């Protein structure tokens, strides 16, 4: 057999081996999407059914919101400070240094603040929910709740998804505020600007289309993070490895979902602006 024929045979064999594997991956992807859609539909069905677990929702809001507040605050302050310091030399070259507060504020509020905060929540909150529910699934606590008639989906999944939907937008508002304070300190490192003048320039350039679309998409960020984390926790494999995989996939898929929602939101905002 010639060398060309050997290479051609090898390529065909490789394709024959990769073909079924690729089709299995495609099939598993669509199955996963169908299961995720069914999980989301179950959430909306259970959302308005009694009993309403207000105490558990408040507890999850505290866990997700208050315990994430220091990390979000530190990240927001550093984000505003660094963005201001990095942007100053470029604006100074064009003599537009006075535009620095407005430019940083628009950048943070429209895009950087919501996305970075949502990614932090996907990492901290998503991994926590995914690991917690996966541990309960592995140790059969969810099955025990089902047998006792406690309705585990309502108590565990619905409450956490509501909490993430409520708290992520509030965390983004807090992060944006702290970022503006960091930007104010950044402006005063090599200059002298008063608080009144700084925030006057900030709010002079902000309008409705800067604030509301950014806030609305954070609601979808929170819902998506909670949805993926709860889904991965409820569908965890048996054993400790399954808990780790559930936490890891909750972070990875939740972060990708944040970028996907952000891309769709930017396109819709550009169409209606």
Protein backbone atom coordinates (compact mmCIF):
# COMPACT_ATOMS: atom_id res chain seq x y z
CA UNK A 1 0.00 0.00 0.00
CA UNK A 2 1.30 3.45 -0.88
CA UNK A 3 1.94 6.21 1.62
CA UNK A 4 -0.98 8.33 0.34
CA UNK A 5 -3.34 5.38 0.59
CA UNK A 6 -2.18 4.71 4.17
CA UNK A 7 -2.82 8.36 5.13
CA UNK A 8 -6.24 8.29 3.49
CA UNK A 9 -7.17 5.07 5.29
CA UNK A 10 -6.02 6.50 8.61
CA UNK A 11 -8.11 9.65 8.09
CA UNK A 12 -11.20 7.62 7.26
CA UNK A 13 -10.70 5.44 10.34
CA UNK A 14 -10.31 8.51 12.54
CA UNK A 15 -13.47 10.05 11.14
CA UNK A 16 -15.33 6.78 11.62
CA UNK A 17 -14.27 6.71 15.27
CA UNK A 18 -15.03 10.40 15.89
CA UNK A 19 -18.41 10.32 14.13
CA UNK A 20 -20.39 8.36 16.76
CA UNK A 21 -18.69 10.25 19.59
CA UNK A 22 -19.62 13.61 18.04
CA UNK A 23 -23.22 12.48 17.51
CA UNK A 24 -23.43 11.33 21.13
CA UNK A 25 -22.25 14.74 22.31
CA UNK A 26 -24.83 16.50 20.13
CA UNK A 27 -27.56 14.17 21.36
CA UNK A 28 -26.56 14.63 25.01
CA UNK A 29 -26.55 18.41 24.51
CA UNK A 30 -30.13 18.47 23.26
CA UNK A 31 -31.22 16.09 26.00
CA UNK A 32 -29.61 18.38 28.57
CA UNK A 33 -31.40 21.40 27.10
CA UNK A 34 -34.73 19.54 27.23
CA UNK A 35 -34.19 18.57 30.87
CA UNK A 36 -33.17 22.12 31.76
CA UNK A 37 -36.29 23.49 30.06
CA UNK A 38 -38.45 21.02 31.96
CA UNK A 39 -36.73 22.06 35.20
CA UNK A 40 -37.43 25.74 34.46
CA UNK A 41 -41.06 25.00 33.57
CA UNK A 42 -41.46 23.14 36.87
CA UNK A 43 -40.14 26.21 38.68
CA UNK A 44 -42.82 28.45 37.15
CA UNK A 45 -45.52 25.88 38.00
CA UNK A 46 -44.41 25.62 41.62
CA UNK A 47 -43.82 29.37 42.03
CA UNK A 48 -47.45 30.28 42.72
CA UNK A 49 -48.45 27.14 44.60
CA UNK A 50 -48.86 27.07 48.36
CA UNK A 51 -47.14 26.95 50.77
CA UNK A 52 -44.99 30.01 50.14
CA UNK A 53 -41.67 29.49 51.88
CA UNK A 54 -41.10 33.12 52.90
CA UNK A 55 -38.79 32.26 55.80
CA UNK A 56 -36.55 30.13 53.59
CA UNK A 57 -36.54 32.80 50.87
CA UNK A 58 -35.46 35.41 53.45
CA UNK A 59 -32.75 33.09 54.75
CA UNK A 60 -31.41 32.44 51.26
CA UNK A 61 -31.48 36.18 50.49
CA UNK A 62 -29.34 36.76 53.57
CA UNK A 63 -26.90 33.98 52.62
CA UNK A 64 -26.63 35.11 49.00
CA UNK A 65 -26.73 38.85 49.60
CA UNK A 66 -25.08 39.72 52.90
CA UNK A 67 -22.36 37.09 52.75
CA UNK A 68 -21.42 38.08 49.21
CA UNK A 69 -21.43 41.80 50.01
CA UNK A 70 -17.77 42.14 51.15
CA UNK A 71 -16.38 40.37 48.06
CA UNK A 72 -18.59 42.40 45.73
CA UNK A 73 -17.70 45.65 47.50
CA UNK A 74 -13.93 45.07 47.39
CA UNK A 75 -14.09 44.01 43.74
CA UNK A 76 -16.22 47.02 42.81
CA UNK A 77 -13.92 49.51 44.54
CA UNK A 78 -10.81 48.08 42.86
CA UNK A 79 -12.61 47.95 39.51
CA UNK A 80 -13.53 51.65 39.63
CA UNK A 81 -10.09 52.68 40.90
CA UNK A 82 -8.14 50.70 38.29
CA UNK A 83 -10.38 51.74 35.39
CA UNK A 84 -9.93 55.40 36.33
CA UNK A 85 -6.16 55.14 36.67
CA UNK A 86 -5.81 53.27 33.37
CA UNK A 87 -8.10 55.63 31.44
CA UNK A 88 -6.56 58.90 32.64
CA UNK A 89 -3.37 58.87 30.45
CA UNK A 90 -5.34 58.18 27.26
CA UNK A 91 -7.80 60.99 27.89
CA UNK A 92 -4.99 63.33 28.95
CA UNK A 93 -3.32 62.88 25.52
CA UNK A 94 -6.42 64.37 23.86
CA UNK A 95 -7.00 67.02 26.50
CA UNK A 96 -10.24 65.35 27.58
CA UNK A 97 -9.31 64.56 31.17
CA UNK A 98 -12.46 66.33 32.38
CA UNK A 99 -14.51 63.55 30.72
CA UNK A 100 -12.96 60.93 32.99
CA UNK A 101 -15.76 60.70 35.64
CA UNK A 102 -18.52 60.46 33.04
CA UNK A 103 -16.69 57.92 30.88
CA UNK A 104 -15.89 55.64 33.81
CA UNK A 105 -19.44 55.91 35.18
CA UNK A 106 -21.07 54.99 31.86
CA UNK A 107 -18.66 52.08 31.36
CA UNK A 108 -19.27 50.69 34.84
CA UNK A 109 -23.04 51.10 34.97
CA UNK A 110 -23.81 49.93 31.44
CA UNK A 111 -21.52 46.93 31.13
CA UNK A 112 -18.56 46.30 33.42
CA UNK A 113 -20.35 46.46 36.78
CA UNK A 114 -23.27 44.11 35.97
CA UNK A 115 -21.12 41.52 34.18
CA UNK A 116 -18.27 41.39 36.71
CA UNK A 117 -20.68 41.23 39.66
CA UNK A 118 -22.74 38.51 37.98
CA UNK A 119 -19.57 36.48 37.33
CA UNK A 120 -18.60 36.81 41.00
CA UNK A 121 -22.08 35.59 42.00
CA UNK A 122 -21.84 32.72 39.50
CA UNK A 123 -18.57 31.68 41.11
CA UNK A 124 -19.44 32.10 44.78
CA UNK A 125 -23.21 31.64 44.90
CA UNK A 126 -23.52 29.18 42.01
CA UNK A 127 -20.85 26.84 43.33
CA UNK A 128 -22.31 27.02 46.85
CA UNK A 129 -25.85 26.15 45.76
CA UNK A 130 -24.66 23.45 43.37
CA UNK A 131 -22.46 21.77 45.98
CA UNK A 132 -25.09 22.05 48.73
CA UNK A 133 -27.91 20.51 46.70
CA UNK A 134 -25.61 17.88 45.21
CA UNK A 135 -24.53 16.86 48.72
CA UNK A 136 -28.16 16.54 49.74
CA UNK A 137 -28.84 14.46 46.64
CA UNK A 138 -25.89 12.15 47.29
CA UNK A 139 -26.79 11.64 50.96
CA UNK A 140 -30.45 11.03 49.95
CA UNK A 141 -31.77 13.95 52.00
CA UNK A 142 -33.87 15.10 49.03
CA UNK A 143 -35.43 11.63 48.78
CA UNK A 144 -36.18 11.71 52.50
CA UNK A 145 -37.93 15.06 52.13
CA UNK A 146 -39.93 13.67 49.22
CA UNK A 147 -41.05 10.67 51.28
CA UNK A 148 -42.04 12.88 54.22
CA UNK A 149 -44.18 15.04 51.93
CA UNK A 150 -42.09 18.22 52.28
CA UNK A 151 -41.97 18.99 48.52
CA UNK A 152 -38.19 19.40 48.20
CA UNK A 153 -38.30 21.17 44.83
CA UNK A 154 -40.44 23.97 46.27
CA UNK A 155 -38.36 24.26 49.45
CA UNK A 156 -34.88 23.88 47.96
CA UNK A 157 -34.93 24.99 44.32
CA UNK A 158 -37.70 27.58 44.09
CA UNK A 159 -36.53 29.52 47.16
CA UNK A 160 -32.92 29.67 45.97
CA UNK A 161 -33.87 30.73 42.45
CA UNK A 162 -36.10 33.50 43.81
CA UNK A 163 -33.31 34.63 46.13
CA UNK A 164 -30.72 34.83 43.35
CA UNK A 165 -33.18 36.68 41.10
CA UNK A 166 -33.79 39.26 43.84
CA UNK A 167 -30.29 39.64 45.25
CA UNK A 168 -28.05 39.78 42.16
CA UNK A 169 -29.61 43.09 40.94
CA UNK A 170 -29.18 44.57 44.42
CA UNK A 171 -25.58 43.40 44.55
CA UNK A 172 -24.98 45.01 41.16
CA UNK A 173 -26.39 48.34 42.39
CA UNK A 174 -24.15 48.13 45.46
CA UNK A 175 -21.13 47.24 43.32
CA UNK A 176 -21.79 50.13 40.92
CA UNK A 177 -22.00 52.56 43.84
CA UNK A 178 -18.75 51.35 45.37
CA UNK A 179 -17.11 51.43 41.92
CA UNK A 180 -18.02 55.11 41.55
CA UNK A 181 -16.45 55.79 44.94
CA UNK A 182 -13.32 53.98 43.79
CA UNK A 183 -13.33 56.09 40.64
CA UNK A 184 -13.61 59.24 42.77
CA UNK A 185 -10.52 58.24 44.74
CA UNK A 186 -8.75 57.41 41.46
CA UNK A 187 -9.52 60.88 40.11
CA UNK A 188 -8.05 62.46 43.24
CA UNK A 189 -4.78 60.55 43.08
CA UNK A 190 -3.41 62.92 40.43
CA UNK A 191 -5.92 65.71 40.63
CA UNK A 192 -8.31 67.55 42.90
CA UNK A 193 -12.03 67.16 42.29
CA UNK A 194 -14.78 67.62 44.84
CA UNK A 195 -17.48 65.05 45.55
CA UNK A 196 -20.18 67.41 44.28
CA UNK A 197 -18.38 68.11 40.99
CA UNK A 198 -17.53 64.44 40.43
CA UNK A 199 -21.08 63.16 40.84
CA UNK A 200 -22.51 66.13 38.94
CA UNK A 201 -20.43 65.11 35.92
CA UNK A 202 -21.42 61.47 36.42
CA UNK A 203 -25.19 62.02 36.52
CA UNK A 204 -25.09 64.65 33.81
CA UNK A 205 -24.03 62.03 31.26
CA UNK A 206 -26.19 59.15 32.51
CA UNK A 207 -29.68 58.75 31.09
CA UNK A 208 -32.54 56.26 31.23
CA UNK A 209 -31.12 53.97 28.51
CA UNK A 210 -27.89 53.64 30.48
CA UNK A 211 -29.49 52.57 33.75
CA UNK A 212 -32.68 50.61 33.11
CA UNK A 213 -31.45 48.07 30.48
CA UNK A 214 -28.42 47.36 32.66
CA UNK A 215 -30.64 46.80 35.70
CA UNK A 216 -33.18 44.65 33.86
CA UNK A 217 -30.54 42.27 32.50
CA UNK A 218 -29.19 41.71 36.02
CA UNK A 219 -32.57 40.16 36.91
CA UNK A 220 -32.00 37.60 34.15
CA UNK A 221 -28.41 37.14 35.35
CA UNK A 222 -29.68 36.22 38.81
CA UNK A 223 -32.37 33.90 37.51
CA UNK A 224 -29.93 32.14 35.17
CA UNK A 225 -27.34 31.64 37.91
CA UNK A 226 -29.94 30.17 40.28
CA UNK A 227 -31.46 28.00 37.56
CA UNK A 228 -28.17 26.40 36.52
CA UNK A 229 -26.97 25.90 40.11
CA UNK A 230 -30.20 24.26 41.27
CA UNK A 231 -30.46 22.12 38.14
CA UNK A 232 -26.92 20.83 38.50
CA UNK A 233 -27.45 20.16 42.20
CA UNK A 234 -30.69 18.25 41.70
CA UNK A 235 -29.21 16.18 38.86
CA UNK A 236 -25.87 15.37 40.49
CA UNK A 237 -24.20 11.99 40.05
CA UNK A 238 -23.72 9.70 43.01
CA UNK A 239 -20.57 9.98 45.09
CA UNK A 240 -18.28 12.80 46.13
CA UNK A 241 -16.99 13.23 42.58
CA UNK A 242 -20.52 14.06 41.49
CA UNK A 243 -20.67 16.87 44.06
CA UNK A 244 -17.45 18.38 42.71
CA UNK A 245 -18.63 18.08 39.11
CA UNK A 246 -21.96 19.71 39.97
CA UNK A 247 -20.27 22.67 41.67
CA UNK A 248 -17.78 23.07 38.83
CA UNK A 249 -20.37 22.84 36.05
CA UNK A 250 -22.65 25.27 37.92
CA UNK A 251 -19.87 27.88 37.85
CA UNK A 252 -18.78 27.26 34.25
CA UNK A 253 -22.24 27.07 32.68
CA UNK A 254 -23.55 29.91 34.86
CA UNK A 255 -20.69 32.17 33.73
CA UNK A 256 -21.28 31.29 30.08
CA UNK A 257 -24.98 31.99 30.52
CA UNK A 258 -24.15 35.43 31.92
CA UNK A 259 -22.17 36.27 28.77
CA UNK A 260 -24.95 34.89 26.55
CA UNK A 261 -27.65 36.94 28.30
CA UNK A 262 -25.42 40.01 28.14
CA UNK A 263 -24.90 39.57 24.40
CA UNK A 264 -28.65 39.28 23.80
CA UNK A 265 -29.35 42.29 26.05
CA UNK A 266 -26.82 44.45 24.21
CA UNK A 267 -28.37 43.55 20.85
CA UNK A 268 -31.89 44.32 22.07
CA UNK A 269 -30.78 47.60 23.64
CA UNK A 270 -29.12 48.70 20.40
CA UNK A 271 -32.28 47.90 18.45
CA UNK A 272 -34.60 49.94 20.67
CA UNK A 273 -32.24 52.83 21.43
